[in-house]
Amino acid sequence: MKNKIILINGPIASGKTSVAKALSEKIEDSIFIDLDEEVKNIHGSLNWDNEDERFKDWIDARHKVAIRCINELNNNKSVIISGPFYTFDELHYFVKYLPDKTYLLLFTLDVSLEERLRRDSLRAHSNSEVEMREQLSEISKFVTSYGYKIENETSINITVEKILGFISQDTGKLDISSFY
């Protein structure tokens, strides 16, 4: 499973980071990157005063991660990325920096709003239900066109095993030439 980029996508509190970390432990010669952490390294937090600044920081983080992916792929590694890719544009701002032959898979975790609200309430910083509903609406439109949707209400291990099975079948693979 070398030389792949695997994006673990999903709304807030869907388990992206937990699943991506566990997946990186199962895939030999892989590294894990948390897109949220990359944005925090650029901006200092995940809170912005204005939308333009927020948009720019996420684009910069996606660019930085894409360059890192290219370096890791050149070292025969696979890269597992946890992070939000809710729209075509958000995915495009990552993919446009990759070589057109990059092997890229996208899996979007599907979790009920009730379960996401429960998980989010356990965090130090919780999000509003309104924000979580809006995000779910946005990502639902995107998921029907790109990658593969995976239910993640059971255990992390079951979700990881499902993803490993899909990877072996090339399920979730994106034709990135359509992004150029």
Protein backbone atom coordinates (compact mmCIF):
# COMPACT_ATOMS: atom_id res chain seq x y z
CA MET A 1 0.00 0.00 0.00
CA LYS A 2 2.91 2.34 -0.57
CA ASN A 3 2.79 5.66 -2.37
CA LYS A 4 -0.83 6.54 -1.67
CA ILE A 5 -2.46 9.57 -0.16
CA ILE A 6 -5.50 8.67 1.89
CA LEU A 7 -7.77 11.52 2.96
CA ILE A 8 -10.01 10.88 5.95
CA ASN A 9 -12.77 13.44 5.68
CA GLY A 10 -15.86 14.11 7.72
CA PRO A 11 -17.77 16.68 9.70
CA ILE A 12 -16.80 17.89 13.17
CA ALA A 13 -16.62 15.03 15.71
CA SER A 14 -16.97 12.27 13.11
CA GLY A 15 -13.71 10.60 14.22
CA LYS A 16 -11.39 11.78 11.42
CA THR A 17 -8.28 12.13 13.55
CA SER A 18 -8.82 8.93 15.55
CA VAL A 19 -9.48 6.84 12.43
CA ALA A 20 -6.59 8.38 10.46
CA LYS A 21 -4.12 7.77 13.31
CA ALA A 22 -5.27 4.16 13.69
CA LEU A 23 -5.10 3.65 9.92
CA SER A 24 -1.54 4.98 9.80
CA GLU A 25 -0.57 2.41 12.42
CA LYS A 26 -1.94 -0.39 10.21
CA ILE A 27 -0.33 0.73 6.94
CA GLU A 28 3.37 0.02 6.77
CA ASP A 29 5.64 2.93 5.78
CA SER A 30 2.97 5.55 6.28
CA ILE A 31 2.82 8.86 8.07
CA PHE A 32 -0.11 10.69 9.63
CA ILE A 33 -0.86 14.38 9.08
CA ASP A 34 -3.60 16.29 10.90
CA LEU A 35 -4.76 19.19 8.72
CA ASP A 36 -6.27 20.96 11.74
CA GLU A 37 -2.83 20.95 13.41
CA GLU A 38 -1.23 22.36 10.26
CA VAL A 39 -3.72 25.25 10.31
CA LYS A 40 -3.04 25.82 14.01
CA ASN A 41 0.69 25.98 13.20
CA ILE A 42 -0.01 28.70 10.63
CA HIS A 43 -2.64 30.71 12.51
CA GLY A 44 -2.12 29.77 16.14
CA SER A 45 -5.68 28.52 16.69
CA LEU A 46 -8.84 27.53 14.87
CA ASN A 47 -10.55 30.85 15.64
CA TRP A 48 -10.50 33.75 13.18
CA ASP A 49 -11.64 37.36 13.25
CA ASN A 50 -12.68 37.32 9.61
CA GLU A 51 -13.61 34.81 6.93
CA ASP A 52 -10.93 35.95 4.44
CA GLU A 53 -8.14 35.23 6.91
CA ARG A 54 -9.68 31.84 7.71
CA PHE A 55 -9.94 30.96 4.01
CA LYS A 56 -6.32 31.96 3.34
CA ASP A 57 -4.97 29.97 6.30
CA TRP A 58 -6.75 26.80 5.17
CA ILE A 59 -5.44 27.22 1.61
CA ASP A 60 -1.91 27.74 2.95
CA ALA A 61 -2.20 24.64 5.15
CA ARG A 62 -3.46 22.50 2.25
CA HIS A 63 -0.56 23.74 0.09
CA LYS A 64 1.96 22.96 2.83
CA VAL A 65 0.50 19.47 3.34
CA ALA A 66 0.50 18.77 -0.42
CA ILE A 67 4.21 19.63 -0.65
CA ARG A 68 4.92 17.40 2.34
CA CYS A 69 2.94 14.59 0.67
CA ILE A 70 5.02 14.85 -2.49
CA ASN A 71 8.20 14.54 -0.42
CA GLU A 72 6.86 11.52 1.47
CA LEU A 73 5.66 9.81 -1.71
CA ASN A 74 9.13 10.32 -3.21
CA ASN A 75 10.46 8.47 -0.13
CA ASN A 76 8.10 5.53 -0.84
CA LYS A 77 5.73 6.40 1.98
CA SER A 78 1.98 6.56 2.10
CA VAL A 79 0.34 9.56 3.74
CA ILE A 80 -2.86 9.47 5.76
CA ILE A 81 -4.43 12.90 6.25
CA SER A 82 -7.16 13.75 8.68
CA GLY A 83 -8.95 16.93 7.77
CA PRO A 84 -11.95 18.71 6.38
CA PHE A 85 -12.52 18.59 2.63
CA TYR A 86 -16.17 19.66 2.46
CA THR A 87 -16.37 21.19 -1.01
CA PHE A 88 -14.84 20.77 -4.44
CA ASP A 89 -12.84 23.98 -3.90
CA GLU A 90 -11.36 22.74 -0.62
CA LEU A 91 -10.25 19.52 -2.29
CA HIS A 92 -9.02 21.43 -5.33
CA TYR A 93 -6.77 23.68 -3.19
CA PHE A 94 -5.00 20.51 -2.06
CA VAL A 95 -5.00 18.42 -5.24
CA LYS A 96 -3.81 21.19 -7.56
CA TYR A 97 -0.31 20.97 -6.02
CA LEU A 98 0.00 17.21 -6.54
CA PRO A 99 1.41 15.49 -9.64
CA ASP A 100 -1.44 14.34 -11.89
CA LYS A 101 -0.57 10.64 -11.43
CA THR A 102 -0.90 10.78 -7.63
CA TYR A 103 -2.79 7.84 -6.16
CA LEU A 104 -5.38 9.55 -3.98
CA LEU A 105 -8.23 8.02 -2.01
CA LEU A 106 -10.94 9.91 -0.14
CA PHE A 107 -13.09 8.44 2.60
CA THR A 108 -15.76 10.52 4.33
CA LEU A 109 -16.89 9.37 7.74
CA ASP A 110 -20.63 9.36 8.30
CA VAL A 111 -21.92 9.81 11.84
CA SER A 112 -25.37 10.89 13.00
CA LEU A 113 -25.77 14.43 14.26
CA GLU A 114 -26.81 13.12 17.68
CA GLU A 115 -23.60 11.07 18.01
CA ARG A 116 -21.47 13.96 16.78
CA LEU A 117 -23.07 16.30 19.34
CA ARG A 118 -22.36 13.74 22.07
CA ARG A 119 -18.72 13.35 21.01
CA ASP A 120 -18.25 17.08 20.62
CA SER A 121 -19.58 17.75 24.13
CA LEU A 122 -16.61 15.75 25.49
CA ARG A 123 -14.11 18.16 23.91
CA ALA A 124 -12.52 21.17 25.56
CA HIS A 125 -13.98 23.41 22.84
CA SER A 126 -17.48 22.51 21.65
CA ASN A 127 -19.14 23.67 18.46
CA SER A 128 -22.71 24.90 18.15
CA GLU A 129 -25.43 22.58 16.91
CA VAL A 130 -26.25 25.13 14.21
CA GLU A 131 -22.64 25.05 12.95
CA MET A 132 -22.63 21.27 12.99
CA ARG A 133 -25.92 21.09 11.04
CA GLU A 134 -24.66 23.57 8.43
CA GLN A 135 -21.44 21.62 8.02
CA LEU A 136 -23.33 18.34 7.62
CA SER A 137 -25.48 19.89 4.90
CA GLU A 138 -22.41 21.19 3.07
CA ILE A 139 -20.48 17.93 3.23
CA SER A 140 -23.53 15.83 2.21
CA LYS A 141 -23.63 17.59 -1.17
CA PHE A 142 -19.91 16.98 -1.72
CA VAL A 143 -19.83 13.32 -0.65
CA THR A 144 -22.22 12.21 -3.37
CA SER A 145 -19.63 13.21 -6.00
CA TYR A 146 -16.23 12.33 -4.52
CA GLY A 147 -14.67 9.40 -2.71
CA TYR A 148 -16.50 6.92 -0.55
CA LYS A 149 -18.75 7.37 2.48
CA ILE A 150 -18.18 5.12 5.52
CA GLU A 151 -20.41 4.79 8.57
CA ASN A 152 -18.34 5.43 11.74
CA GLU A 153 -20.71 4.94 14.66
CA THR A 154 -19.21 1.65 15.84
CA SER A 155 -15.55 1.23 16.78
CA ILE A 156 -12.46 2.81 15.28
CA ASN A 157 -11.04 -0.65 14.56
CA ILE A 158 -14.10 -1.70 12.56
CA THR A 159 -13.96 1.53 10.55
CA VAL A 160 -10.22 1.07 9.89
CA GLU A 161 -10.76 -2.52 8.74
CA LYS A 162 -13.52 -1.34 6.37
CA ILE A 163 -11.19 1.31 4.93
CA LEU A 164 -8.35 -1.20 4.49
CA GLY A 165 -10.75 -3.46 2.58
CA PHE A 166 -11.86 -0.60 0.36
CA ILE A 167 -8.26 0.45 -0.29
CA SER A 168 -7.40 -3.06 -1.47
CA GLN A 169 -10.27 -2.77 -3.98
CA ASP A 170 -9.40 0.82 -5.05
CA THR A 171 -12.78 1.97 -3.72
CA GLY A 172 -12.59 5.68 -2.94
CA LYS A 173 -9.88 6.39 -5.53
CA LEU A 174 -10.16 9.81 -7.16
CA ASP A 175 -9.24 10.70 -10.71
CA ILE A 176 -7.40 13.87 -9.86
CA SER A 177 -6.96 14.90 -13.51
CA SER A 178 -10.48 16.37 -13.27
CA PHE A 179 -9.15 18.91 -10.73
CA TYR A 180 -6.65 20.55 -13.08
